[in-house]
C-alpha atoms as a PDB file:
ATOM      1  CA  UNK A   1       0.000   0.000   0.000  1.00  0.00           C
ATOM      2  CA  UNK A   2       0.972   3.618  -0.450  1.00  0.00           C
ATOM      3  CA  UNK A   3      -0.455   6.761   1.105  1.00  0.00           C
ATOM      4  CA  UNK A   4      -0.412  10.000  -0.868  1.00  0.00           C
ATOM      5  CA  UNK A   5      -0.557  13.626   0.256  1.00  0.00           C
ATOM      6  CA  UNK A   6      -0.860  16.509  -2.200  1.00  0.00           C
ATOM      7  CA  UNK A   7       0.279  20.072  -1.600  1.00  0.00           C
ATOM      8  CA  UNK A   8       0.972  23.262  -3.522  1.00  0.00           C
ATOM      9  CA  UNK A   9      -2.512  24.281  -4.547  1.00  0.00           C
ATOM     10  CA  UNK A  10      -3.788  27.818  -4.204  1.00  0.00           C
ATOM     11  CA  UNK A  11      -5.164  30.881  -5.944  1.00  0.00           C
ATOM     12  CA  UNK A  12      -3.367  32.210  -9.012  1.00  0.00           C
ATOM     13  CA  UNK A  13      -4.183  34.642 -11.791  1.00  0.00           C
ATOM     14  CA  UNK A  14      -4.689  33.487 -15.343  1.00  0.00           C
ATOM     15  CA  UNK A  15      -1.356  33.098 -17.092  1.00  0.00           C
ATOM     16  CA  UNK A  16       0.423  32.276 -13.856  1.00  0.00           C
ATOM     17  CA  UNK A  17       2.113  29.102 -12.661  1.00  0.00           C
ATOM     18  CA  UNK A  18       1.867  26.646  -9.798  1.00  0.00           C
ATOM     19  CA  UNK A  19       3.741  23.500  -8.885  1.00  0.00           C
ATOM     20  CA  UNK A  20       1.875  20.716  -7.152  1.00  0.00           C
ATOM     21  CA  UNK A  21       3.618  18.043  -5.117  1.00  0.00           C
ATOM     22  CA  UNK A  22       2.454  14.619  -4.033  1.00  0.00           C
ATOM     23  CA  UNK A  23       4.461  12.937  -1.302  1.00  0.00           C
ATOM     24  CA  UNK A  24       4.138   9.214  -0.743  1.00  0.00           C
ATOM     25  CA  UNK A  25       4.572   7.181   2.383  1.00  0.00           C
ATOM     26  CA  UNK A  26       6.618   4.035   2.574  1.00  0.00           C
ATOM     27  CA  UNK A  27       9.504   2.799   0.523  1.00  0.00           C
ATOM     28  CA  UNK A  28       7.512   1.429  -2.404  1.00  0.00           C
ATOM     29  CA  UNK A  29       6.958   4.700  -4.292  1.00  0.00           C
ATOM     30  CA  UNK A  30       9.306   3.718  -7.100  1.00  0.00           C
ATOM     31  CA  UNK A  31       7.299   0.568  -7.752  1.00  0.00           C
ATOM     32  CA  UNK A  32       4.180   2.537  -8.704  1.00  0.00           C
ATOM     33  CA  UNK A  33       3.164   4.333 -11.838  1.00  0.00           C
ATOM     34  CA  UNK A  34       1.743   7.721 -10.899  1.00  0.00           C
ATOM     35  CA  UNK A  35      -0.824  10.152 -12.259  1.00  0.00           C
ATOM     36  CA  UNK A  36      -2.588  13.446 -11.728  1.00  0.00           C
ATOM     37  CA  UNK A  37      -6.324  13.876 -12.165  1.00  0.00           C
ATOM     38  CA  UNK A  38      -8.569  16.837 -11.517  1.00  0.00           C
ATOM     39  CA  UNK A  39     -12.226  17.354 -10.787  1.00  0.00           C
ATOM     40  CA  UNK A  40     -14.182  20.560 -11.150  1.00  0.00           C
ATOM     41  CA  UNK A  41     -17.571  21.044  -9.463  1.00  0.00           C
ATOM     42  CA  UNK A  42     -20.305  19.152 -11.255  1.00  0.00           C
ATOM     43  CA  UNK A  43     -17.846  17.436 -13.616  1.00  0.00           C
ATOM     44  CA  UNK A  44     -16.301  14.008 -13.834  1.00  0.00           C
ATOM     45  CA  UNK A  45     -12.749  13.355 -12.736  1.00  0.00           C
ATOM     46  CA  UNK A  46     -10.460  14.236 -15.648  1.00  0.00           C
ATOM     47  CA  UNK A  47      -7.096  12.747 -16.566  1.00  0.00           C
ATOM     48  CA  UNK A  48      -4.279  15.297 -16.468  1.00  0.00           C
ATOM     49  CA  UNK A  49      -1.024  13.349 -16.765  1.00  0.00           C
ATOM     50  CA  UNK A  50       0.652  10.073 -15.889  1.00  0.00           C
ATOM     51  CA  UNK A  51       4.243   8.932 -15.531  1.00  0.00           C
ATOM     52  CA  UNK A  52       5.908   5.539 -15.443  1.00  0.00           C
ATOM     53  CA  UNK A  53       7.934   4.186 -12.532  1.00  0.00           C
ATOM     54  CA  UNK A  54      11.243   5.495 -13.852  1.00  0.00           C
ATOM     55  CA  UNK A  55       9.826   8.630 -15.447  1.00  0.00           C
ATOM     56  CA  UNK A  56      10.718   7.520 -18.938  1.00  0.00           C
ATOM     57  CA  UNK A  57       7.114   7.437 -20.198  1.00  0.00           C
ATOM     58  CA  UNK A  58       4.661  10.312 -19.790  1.00  0.00           C
ATOM     59  CA  UNK A  59       1.132  10.882 -21.008  1.00  0.00           C
ATOM     60  CA  UNK A  60      -0.882  14.090 -20.966  1.00  0.00           C
ATOM     61  CA  UNK A  61      -4.500  15.000 -21.359  1.00  0.00           C
ATOM     62  CA  UNK A  62      -5.245  17.075 -24.438  1.00  0.00           C
ATOM     63  CA  UNK A  63      -6.337  20.100 -22.435  1.00  0.00           C
ATOM     64  CA  UNK A  64      -2.969  20.446 -20.661  1.00  0.00           C
ATOM     65  CA  UNK A  65      -0.458  19.404 -23.342  1.00  0.00           C
ATOM     66  CA  UNK A  66       2.285  21.962 -23.752  1.00  0.00           C
ATOM     67  CA  UNK A  67       1.370  23.745 -20.501  1.00  0.00           C
ATOM     68  CA  UNK A  68       1.750  21.125 -17.742  1.00  0.00           C
ATOM     69  CA  UNK A  69       4.725  18.879 -16.973  1.00  0.00           C
ATOM     70  CA  UNK A  70       4.638  15.780 -14.799  1.00  0.00           C
ATOM     71  CA  UNK A  71       7.817  14.569 -13.106  1.00  0.00           C
ATOM     72  CA  UNK A  72       8.952  12.496 -10.157  1.00  0.00           C
ATOM     73  CA  UNK A  73      11.879  12.124  -7.819  1.00  0.00           C
ATOM     74  CA  UNK A  74      11.903   8.580  -6.498  1.00  0.00           C
ATOM     75  CA  UNK A  75      14.650   9.355  -4.000  1.00  0.00           C
ATOM     76  CA  UNK A  76      12.384  12.014  -2.479  1.00  0.00           C
ATOM     77  CA  UNK A  77       9.262   9.814  -2.896  1.00  0.00           C
ATOM     78  CA  UNK A  78       7.589  12.800  -4.546  1.00  0.00           C
ATOM     79  CA  UNK A  79       5.525  13.383  -7.669  1.00  0.00           C
ATOM     80  CA  UNK A  80       5.250  16.844  -9.217  1.00  0.00           C
ATOM     81  CA  UNK A  81       2.981  18.703 -11.587  1.00  0.00           C
ATOM     82  CA  UNK A  82       4.351  21.949 -12.980  1.00  0.00           C
ATOM     83  CA  UNK A  83       1.461  24.007 -14.309  1.00  0.00           C
ATOM     84  CA  UNK A  84       2.183  26.994 -16.548  1.00  0.00           C
ATOM     85  CA  UNK A  85      -0.049  29.358 -18.526  1.00  0.00           C
ATOM     86  CA  UNK A  86      -2.924  28.579 -16.212  1.00  0.00           C
ATOM     87  CA  UNK A  87      -6.474  29.287 -17.339  1.00  0.00           C
ATOM     88  CA  UNK A  88      -9.712  29.726 -15.395  1.00  0.00           C
ATOM     89  CA  UNK A  89     -10.883  26.383 -16.779  1.00  0.00           C
ATOM     90  CA  UNK A  90      -7.982  24.703 -14.959  1.00  0.00           C
ATOM     91  CA  UNK A  91      -9.772  25.444 -11.686  1.00  0.00           C
ATOM     92  CA  UNK A  92     -10.395  22.130  -9.928  1.00  0.00           C
ATOM     93  CA  UNK A  93      -9.349  19.871  -7.097  1.00  0.00           C
ATOM     94  CA  UNK A  94      -6.196  18.074  -8.207  1.00  0.00           C
ATOM     95  CA  UNK A  95      -5.546  14.514  -7.072  1.00  0.00           C
ATOM     96  CA  UNK A  96      -2.510  12.299  -7.363  1.00  0.00           C
ATOM     97  CA  UNK A  97      -2.968   8.588  -7.843  1.00  0.00           C
ATOM     98  CA  UNK A  98      -0.817   5.472  -7.846  1.00  0.00           C
ATOM     99  CA  UNK A  99      -1.162   2.042  -9.383  1.00  0.00           C
ATOM    100  CA  UNK A 100       0.863  -0.934 -10.552  1.00  0.00           C
ATOM    101  CA  UNK A 101      -0.225  -0.185 -14.104  1.00  0.00           C
ATOM    102  CA  UNK A 102       0.232   2.948 -16.213  1.00  0.00           C
ATOM    103  CA  UNK A 103      -3.295   4.162 -17.019  1.00  0.00           C
ATOM    104  CA  UNK A 104      -5.157   7.246 -18.185  1.00  0.00           C
ATOM    105  CA  UNK A 105      -8.529   6.477 -16.603  1.00  0.00           C
ATOM    106  CA  UNK A 106      -9.391   7.139 -12.977  1.00  0.00           C
ATOM    107  CA  UNK A 107     -11.181   3.823 -12.382  1.00  0.00           C
ATOM    108  CA  UNK A 108      -7.933   1.903 -12.848  1.00  0.00           C
ATOM    109  CA  UNK A 109      -5.994   3.626 -10.076  1.00  0.00           C
ATOM    110  CA  UNK A 110      -6.073   1.978  -6.664  1.00  0.00           C
ATOM    111  CA  UNK A 111      -4.540   4.660  -4.448  1.00  0.00           C
ATOM    112  CA  UNK A 112      -5.527   8.313  -4.144  1.00  0.00           C
ATOM    113  CA  UNK A 113      -4.567  11.401  -2.221  1.00  0.00           C
ATOM    114  CA  UNK A 114      -7.071  13.726  -0.592  1.00  0.00           C
ATOM    115  CA  UNK A 115      -6.700  16.436  -3.238  1.00  0.00           C
ATOM    116  CA  UNK A 116      -5.531  20.033  -3.344  1.00  0.00           C
ATOM    117  CA  UNK A 117      -7.582  22.969  -4.629  1.00  0.00           C
ATOM    118  CA  UNK A 118      -6.321  25.037  -7.549  1.00  0.00           C
ATOM    119  CA  UNK A 119      -8.240  28.207  -8.387  1.00  0.00           C
ATOM    120  CA  UNK A 120      -7.360  30.338 -11.407  1.00  0.00           C
ATOM    121  CA  UNK A 121      -8.890  33.798 -11.523  1.00  0.00           C
ATOM    122  CA  UNK A 122      -9.535  35.646 -14.757  1.00  0.00           C
END
């Protein structure tokens, strides 16, 4: 099992940047593929990005390609999401997730953090 805690959310103006972090418990972080999802009020949970165990493979949702970057530091048991050129439509609760497989759908991830709020003002 792995426990995940997100941080780094907040309020930012459109065009600004934020970096989210997701810190894992235990020593098994490097054995999991990781992902970021987000959920806005009244909407389904949306895939943002995923990264393989070693960081060599990355996938991005269409709405964030070219603006967001997912990365990880296994030695620090931490996952990151660098978000640039933020837009009001990026406003959501952002969740990190972990699984033994590398997926792009929320249903396939077994472990979740509690989420961190990102609000982008226009």
